Amino acid sequence: MARGRAPFSNFVGSVLALLAVRIMLAERTAAPEAGVQHPPQRDVLVTIAFALFVGVVGGTYGLGGGALMAPALVAFLGRRIHAVAGALWLATLVTSVAGVLMYSVLSGPDGTASSPDWPLAIFFGVGGLAGTYMGAIAQKSFPEDLLRVSLALLVAALIIVYLLQVLLM
């Protein structure tokens, strides 16, 4: 990895570490039996502001917004994983389509087109679609606490990857 990526890797690793700790400590806002609950006005504004930030970061670095939004909603707003999963998949679809359109239309700093690699995008899309279907079916079989711990462990694994990248440069 290039030396210039160390600050970015340190930043992402730090954000992920904060998310992992917060996920384990956060309390849920809605009991499983409560059904659909509308978040308080403050949470709506915080979610929109955070989604804007994640969109800018995701658009700049090519990161998936759902991968950052799901842990953040669970960690900071106490939302249930079962409740945010479907909404984030729809949001990911919408932002992915918008991203493809923007990268197809806009050009890079040197004037070259920054069109997506279509075969690679199709492979990712097919794999993601199949994985989403299987995950949505499987999620209903797992309790919230197990999903919360699994999410925290996944985030912790990503932290290790980022730290190793920085250490091995």
C-alpha atoms as a PDB file:
ATOM      1  CA  MET A   1       0.000   0.000   0.000  1.00  0.00           C
ATOM      2  CA  ALA A   2       1.295   3.472  -0.804  1.00  0.00           C
ATOM      3  CA  ARG A   3       2.636   5.552   2.055  1.00  0.00           C
ATOM      4  CA  GLY A   4      -0.053   8.209   1.467  1.00  0.00           C
ATOM      5  CA  ARG A   5      -2.809   5.798   2.472  1.00  0.00           C
ATOM      6  CA  ALA A   6      -1.583   5.473   6.063  1.00  0.00           C
ATOM      7  CA  PRO A   7      -3.600   8.469   7.344  1.00  0.00           C
ATOM      8  CA  PHE A   8      -6.744   7.148   5.645  1.00  0.00           C
ATOM      9  CA  SER A   9      -6.204   3.641   7.048  1.00  0.00           C
ATOM     10  CA  ASN A  10      -5.591   5.080  10.523  1.00  0.00           C
ATOM     11  CA  PHE A  11      -8.766   7.165  10.265  1.00  0.00           C
ATOM     12  CA  VAL A  12     -10.934   4.272   9.062  1.00  0.00           C
ATOM     13  CA  GLY A  13      -9.450   1.941  11.666  1.00  0.00           C
ATOM     14  CA  SER A  14     -10.225   4.471  14.412  1.00  0.00           C
ATOM     15  CA  VAL A  15     -13.803   4.975  13.218  1.00  0.00           C
ATOM     16  CA  LEU A  16     -14.339   1.224  13.023  1.00  0.00           C
ATOM     17  CA  ALA A  17     -12.896   0.731  16.528  1.00  0.00           C
ATOM     18  CA  LEU A  18     -15.329   3.317  17.884  1.00  0.00           C
ATOM     19  CA  LEU A  19     -18.208   1.612  16.073  1.00  0.00           C
ATOM     20  CA  ALA A  20     -17.286  -1.846  17.394  1.00  0.00           C
ATOM     21  CA  VAL A  21     -17.209  -0.621  20.989  1.00  0.00           C
ATOM     22  CA  ARG A  22     -20.440   1.372  20.607  1.00  0.00           C
ATOM     23  CA  ILE A  23     -22.265  -1.570  19.003  1.00  0.00           C
ATOM     24  CA  MET A  24     -21.542  -3.720  22.013  1.00  0.00           C
ATOM     25  CA  LEU A  25     -22.581  -0.974  24.463  1.00  0.00           C
ATOM     26  CA  ALA A  26     -25.602   0.475  22.626  1.00  0.00           C
ATOM     27  CA  GLU A  27     -29.109  -0.193  23.848  1.00  0.00           C
ATOM     28  CA  ARG A  28     -31.886  -0.905  21.407  1.00  0.00           C
ATOM     29  CA  THR A  29     -34.580   1.727  20.989  1.00  0.00           C
ATOM     30  CA  ALA A  30     -37.413  -0.669  20.152  1.00  0.00           C
ATOM     31  CA  ALA A  31     -38.373  -4.025  21.631  1.00  0.00           C
ATOM     32  CA  PRO A  32     -38.811  -6.824  19.066  1.00  0.00           C
ATOM     33  CA  GLU A  33     -42.564  -6.938  19.773  1.00  0.00           C
ATOM     34  CA  ALA A  34     -43.064  -3.207  19.245  1.00  0.00           C
ATOM     35  CA  GLY A  35     -43.286  -3.483  15.451  1.00  0.00           C
ATOM     36  CA  VAL A  36     -42.438  -0.485  13.286  1.00  0.00           C
ATOM     37  CA  GLN A  37     -41.475   2.535  15.315  1.00  0.00           C
ATOM     38  CA  HIS A  38     -40.811   5.969  13.897  1.00  0.00           C
ATOM     39  CA  PRO A  39     -37.577   7.483  15.191  1.00  0.00           C
ATOM     40  CA  PRO A  40     -37.648  10.785  17.072  1.00  0.00           C
ATOM     41  CA  GLN A  41     -37.174  13.990  15.030  1.00  0.00           C
ATOM     42  CA  ARG A  42     -33.618  14.419  16.339  1.00  0.00           C
ATOM     43  CA  ASP A  43     -32.704  10.915  15.148  1.00  0.00           C
ATOM     44  CA  VAL A  44     -34.079  11.681  11.680  1.00  0.00           C
ATOM     45  CA  LEU A  45     -31.883  14.782  11.370  1.00  0.00           C
ATOM     46  CA  VAL A  46     -28.832  12.953  12.738  1.00  0.00           C
ATOM     47  CA  THR A  47     -29.435  10.082  10.313  1.00  0.00           C
ATOM     48  CA  ILE A  48     -29.739  12.439   7.329  1.00  0.00           C
ATOM     49  CA  ALA A  49     -26.569  14.313   8.332  1.00  0.00           C
ATOM     50  CA  PHE A  50     -24.658  11.075   8.835  1.00  0.00           C
ATOM     51  CA  ALA A  51     -25.953   9.677   5.519  1.00  0.00           C
ATOM     52  CA  LEU A  52     -24.693  12.826   3.781  1.00  0.00           C
ATOM     53  CA  PHE A  53     -21.258  12.362   5.375  1.00  0.00           C
ATOM     54  CA  VAL A  54     -21.174   8.651   4.467  1.00  0.00           C
ATOM     55  CA  GLY A  55     -22.251   9.508   0.914  1.00  0.00           C
ATOM     56  CA  VAL A  56     -19.381  11.961   0.497  1.00  0.00           C
ATOM     57  CA  VAL A  57     -16.851   9.510   1.946  1.00  0.00           C
ATOM     58  CA  GLY A  58     -18.288   6.611  -0.049  1.00  0.00           C
ATOM     59  CA  GLY A  59     -18.326   8.620  -3.265  1.00  0.00           C
ATOM     60  CA  THR A  60     -14.763   9.792  -2.732  1.00  0.00           C
ATOM     61  CA  TYR A  61     -13.215   6.463  -1.818  1.00  0.00           C
ATOM     62  CA  GLY A  62     -15.623   4.012  -3.435  1.00  0.00           C
ATOM     63  CA  LEU A  63     -16.804   2.558  -0.122  1.00  0.00           C
ATOM     64  CA  GLY A  64     -20.211   1.008   0.316  1.00  0.00           C
ATOM     65  CA  GLY A  65     -22.390   3.331   2.359  1.00  0.00           C
ATOM     66  CA  GLY A  66     -24.462   0.546   3.899  1.00  0.00           C
ATOM     67  CA  ALA A  67     -21.317  -0.964   5.379  1.00  0.00           C
ATOM     68  CA  LEU A  68     -20.805   2.234   7.371  1.00  0.00           C
ATOM     69  CA  MET A  69     -24.429   3.204   7.971  1.00  0.00           C
ATOM     70  CA  ALA A  70     -25.574  -0.089   9.508  1.00  0.00           C
ATOM     71  CA  PRO A  71     -22.959  -0.107  12.291  1.00  0.00           C
ATOM     72  CA  ALA A  72     -23.506   3.619  12.890  1.00  0.00           C
ATOM     73  CA  LEU A  73     -27.294   3.291  13.217  1.00  0.00           C
ATOM     74  CA  VAL A  74     -26.883   0.358  15.588  1.00  0.00           C
ATOM     75  CA  ALA A  75     -24.039   1.954  17.543  1.00  0.00           C
ATOM     76  CA  PHE A  76     -25.154   5.571  17.889  1.00  0.00           C
ATOM     77  CA  LEU A  77     -28.932   5.539  17.487  1.00  0.00           C
ATOM     78  CA  GLY A  78     -29.558   2.145  19.081  1.00  0.00           C
ATOM     79  CA  ARG A  79     -31.590   0.884  16.135  1.00  0.00           C
ATOM     80  CA  ARG A  80     -32.247  -2.841  15.841  1.00  0.00           C
ATOM     81  CA  ILE A  81     -30.288  -4.725  13.177  1.00  0.00           C
ATOM     82  CA  HIS A  82     -33.496  -6.396  11.984  1.00  0.00           C
ATOM     83  CA  ALA A  83     -35.013  -2.938  11.436  1.00  0.00           C
ATOM     84  CA  VAL A  84     -32.150  -1.250   9.580  1.00  0.00           C
ATOM     85  CA  ALA A  85     -31.145  -4.071   7.220  1.00  0.00           C
ATOM     86  CA  GLY A  86     -33.934  -3.703   4.657  1.00  0.00           C
ATOM     87  CA  ALA A  87     -33.838   0.074   4.653  1.00  0.00           C
ATOM     88  CA  LEU A  88     -30.086   0.067   4.085  1.00  0.00           C
ATOM     89  CA  TRP A  89     -30.313  -2.364   1.199  1.00  0.00           C
ATOM     90  CA  LEU A  90     -32.776  -0.064  -0.540  1.00  0.00           C
ATOM     91  CA  ALA A  91     -30.570   2.946   0.214  1.00  0.00           C
ATOM     92  CA  THR A  92     -27.526   1.058  -1.082  1.00  0.00           C
ATOM     93  CA  LEU A  93     -29.358   0.251  -4.313  1.00  0.00           C
ATOM     94  CA  VAL A  94     -30.395   3.877  -4.846  1.00  0.00           C
ATOM     95  CA  THR A  95     -26.931   5.262  -4.068  1.00  0.00           C
ATOM     96  CA  SER A  96     -25.255   2.584  -6.194  1.00  0.00           C
ATOM     97  CA  VAL A  97     -27.354   3.533  -9.209  1.00  0.00           C
ATOM     98  CA  ALA A  98     -26.628   7.221  -8.554  1.00  0.00           C
ATOM     99  CA  GLY A  99     -22.911   6.447  -8.193  1.00  0.00           C
ATOM    100  CA  VAL A 100     -22.793   4.543 -11.486  1.00  0.00           C
ATOM    101  CA  LEU A 101     -24.550   7.423 -13.236  1.00  0.00           C
ATOM    102  CA  MET A 102     -22.209  10.035 -11.725  1.00  0.00           C
ATOM    103  CA  TYR A 103     -19.040   8.091 -12.539  1.00  0.00           C
ATOM    104  CA  SER A 104     -20.319   7.445 -16.071  1.00  0.00           C
ATOM    105  CA  VAL A 105     -21.012  11.133 -16.710  1.00  0.00           C
ATOM    106  CA  LEU A 106     -18.183  12.838 -14.832  1.00  0.00           C
ATOM    107  CA  SER A 107     -14.582  12.809 -15.934  1.00  0.00           C
ATOM    108  CA  GLY A 108     -11.428  12.466 -13.872  1.00  0.00           C
ATOM    109  CA  PRO A 109      -9.045  15.340 -13.020  1.00  0.00           C
ATOM    110  CA  ASP A 110      -7.026  14.705 -16.182  1.00  0.00           C
ATOM    111  CA  GLY A 111     -10.137  14.758 -18.378  1.00  0.00           C
ATOM    112  CA  THR A 112     -10.381  10.989 -18.826  1.00  0.00           C
ATOM    113  CA  ALA A 113     -13.718   9.300 -18.338  1.00  0.00           C
ATOM    114  CA  SER A 114     -14.166   7.404 -15.097  1.00  0.00           C
ATOM    115  CA  SER A 115     -16.665   4.883 -16.411  1.00  0.00           C
ATOM    116  CA  PRO A 116     -17.292   1.817 -14.240  1.00  0.00           C
ATOM    117  CA  ASP A 117     -15.762  -1.554 -15.101  1.00  0.00           C
ATOM    118  CA  TRP A 118     -19.072  -3.062 -16.278  1.00  0.00           C
ATOM    119  CA  PRO A 119     -18.160  -6.779 -16.193  1.00  0.00           C
ATOM    120  CA  LEU A 120     -16.779  -6.394 -12.666  1.00  0.00           C
ATOM    121  CA  ALA A 121     -19.863  -4.414 -11.614  1.00  0.00           C
ATOM    122  CA  ILE A 122     -22.162  -7.120 -12.982  1.00  0.00           C
ATOM    123  CA  PHE A 123     -20.229  -9.850 -11.124  1.00  0.00           C
ATOM    124  CA  PHE A 124     -20.434  -7.850  -7.891  1.00  0.00           C
ATOM    125  CA  GLY A 125     -24.126  -7.171  -8.479  1.00  0.00           C
ATOM    126  CA  VAL A 126     -25.017 -10.829  -9.093  1.00  0.00           C
ATOM    127  CA  GLY A 127     -23.020 -11.962  -6.040  1.00  0.00           C
ATOM    128  CA  GLY A 128     -24.479  -9.183  -3.909  1.00  0.00           C
ATOM    129  CA  LEU A 129     -28.018  -9.963  -5.014  1.00  0.00           C
ATOM    130  CA  ALA A 130     -27.636 -13.661  -4.190  1.00  0.00           C
ATOM    131  CA  GLY A 131     -25.973 -12.842  -0.864  1.00  0.00           C
ATOM    132  CA  THR A 132     -28.679 -10.342   0.020  1.00  0.00           C
ATOM    133  CA  TYR A 133     -31.398 -12.902  -0.631  1.00  0.00           C
ATOM    134  CA  MET A 134     -29.680 -15.560   1.476  1.00  0.00           C
ATOM    135  CA  GLY A 135     -28.876 -13.058   4.242  1.00  0.00           C
ATOM    136  CA  ALA A 136     -32.465 -11.797   4.426  1.00  0.00           C
ATOM    137  CA  ILE A 137     -33.717 -15.357   4.835  1.00  0.00           C
ATOM    138  CA  ALA A 138     -31.031 -16.270   7.389  1.00  0.00           C
ATOM    139  CA  GLN A 139     -31.426 -13.072   9.442  1.00  0.00           C
ATOM    140  CA  LYS A 140     -34.918 -14.071  10.568  1.00  0.00           C
ATOM    141  CA  SER A 141     -33.452 -17.176  12.237  1.00  0.00           C
ATOM    142  CA  PHE A 142     -30.939 -15.326  14.422  1.00  0.00           C
ATOM    143  CA  PRO A 143     -31.619 -13.388  17.625  1.00  0.00           C
ATOM    144  CA  GLU A 144     -30.722  -9.688  17.763  1.00  0.00           C
ATOM    145  CA  ASP A 145     -27.955 -10.215  20.322  1.00  0.00           C
ATOM    146  CA  LEU A 146     -26.166 -12.743  18.105  1.00  0.00           C
ATOM    147  CA  LEU A 147     -26.416 -10.384  15.123  1.00  0.00           C
ATOM    148  CA  ARG A 148     -25.076  -7.513  17.262  1.00  0.00           C
ATOM    149  CA  VAL A 149     -22.050  -9.545  18.413  1.00  0.00           C
ATOM    150  CA  SER A 150     -21.439 -10.782  14.858  1.00  0.00           C
ATOM    151  CA  LEU A 151     -21.528  -7.220  13.526  1.00  0.00           C
ATOM    152  CA  ALA A 152     -19.095  -6.073  16.215  1.00  0.00           C
ATOM    153  CA  LEU A 153     -16.745  -8.981  15.410  1.00  0.00           C
ATOM    154  CA  LEU A 154     -16.898  -8.201  11.691  1.00  0.00           C
ATOM    155  CA  VAL A 155     -16.036  -4.565  12.388  1.00  0.00           C
ATOM    156  CA  ALA A 156     -13.193  -5.711  14.674  1.00  0.00           C
ATOM    157  CA  ALA A 157     -11.829  -7.923  11.873  1.00  0.00           C
ATOM    158  CA  LEU A 158     -11.831  -4.911   9.555  1.00  0.00           C
ATOM    159  CA  ILE A 159      -9.920  -2.936  12.186  1.00  0.00           C
ATOM    160  CA  ILE A 160      -7.242  -5.635  12.215  1.00  0.00           C
ATOM    161  CA  VAL A 161      -6.980  -5.507   8.412  1.00  0.00           C
ATOM    162  CA  TYR A 162      -6.513  -1.721   8.457  1.00  0.00           C
ATOM    163  CA  LEU A 163      -3.951  -1.892  11.271  1.00  0.00           C
ATOM    164  CA  LEU A 164      -1.994  -4.597   9.452  1.00  0.00           C
ATOM    165  CA  GLN A 165      -1.969  -2.488   6.287  1.00  0.00           C
ATOM    166  CA  VAL A 166      -0.498   0.431   8.220  1.00  0.00           C
ATOM    167  CA  LEU A 167       2.059  -1.724  10.046  1.00  0.00           C
ATOM    168  CA  LEU A 168       3.196  -3.589   6.933  1.00  0.00           C
ATOM    169  CA  MET A 169       3.790  -0.494   4.779  1.00  0.00           C
END
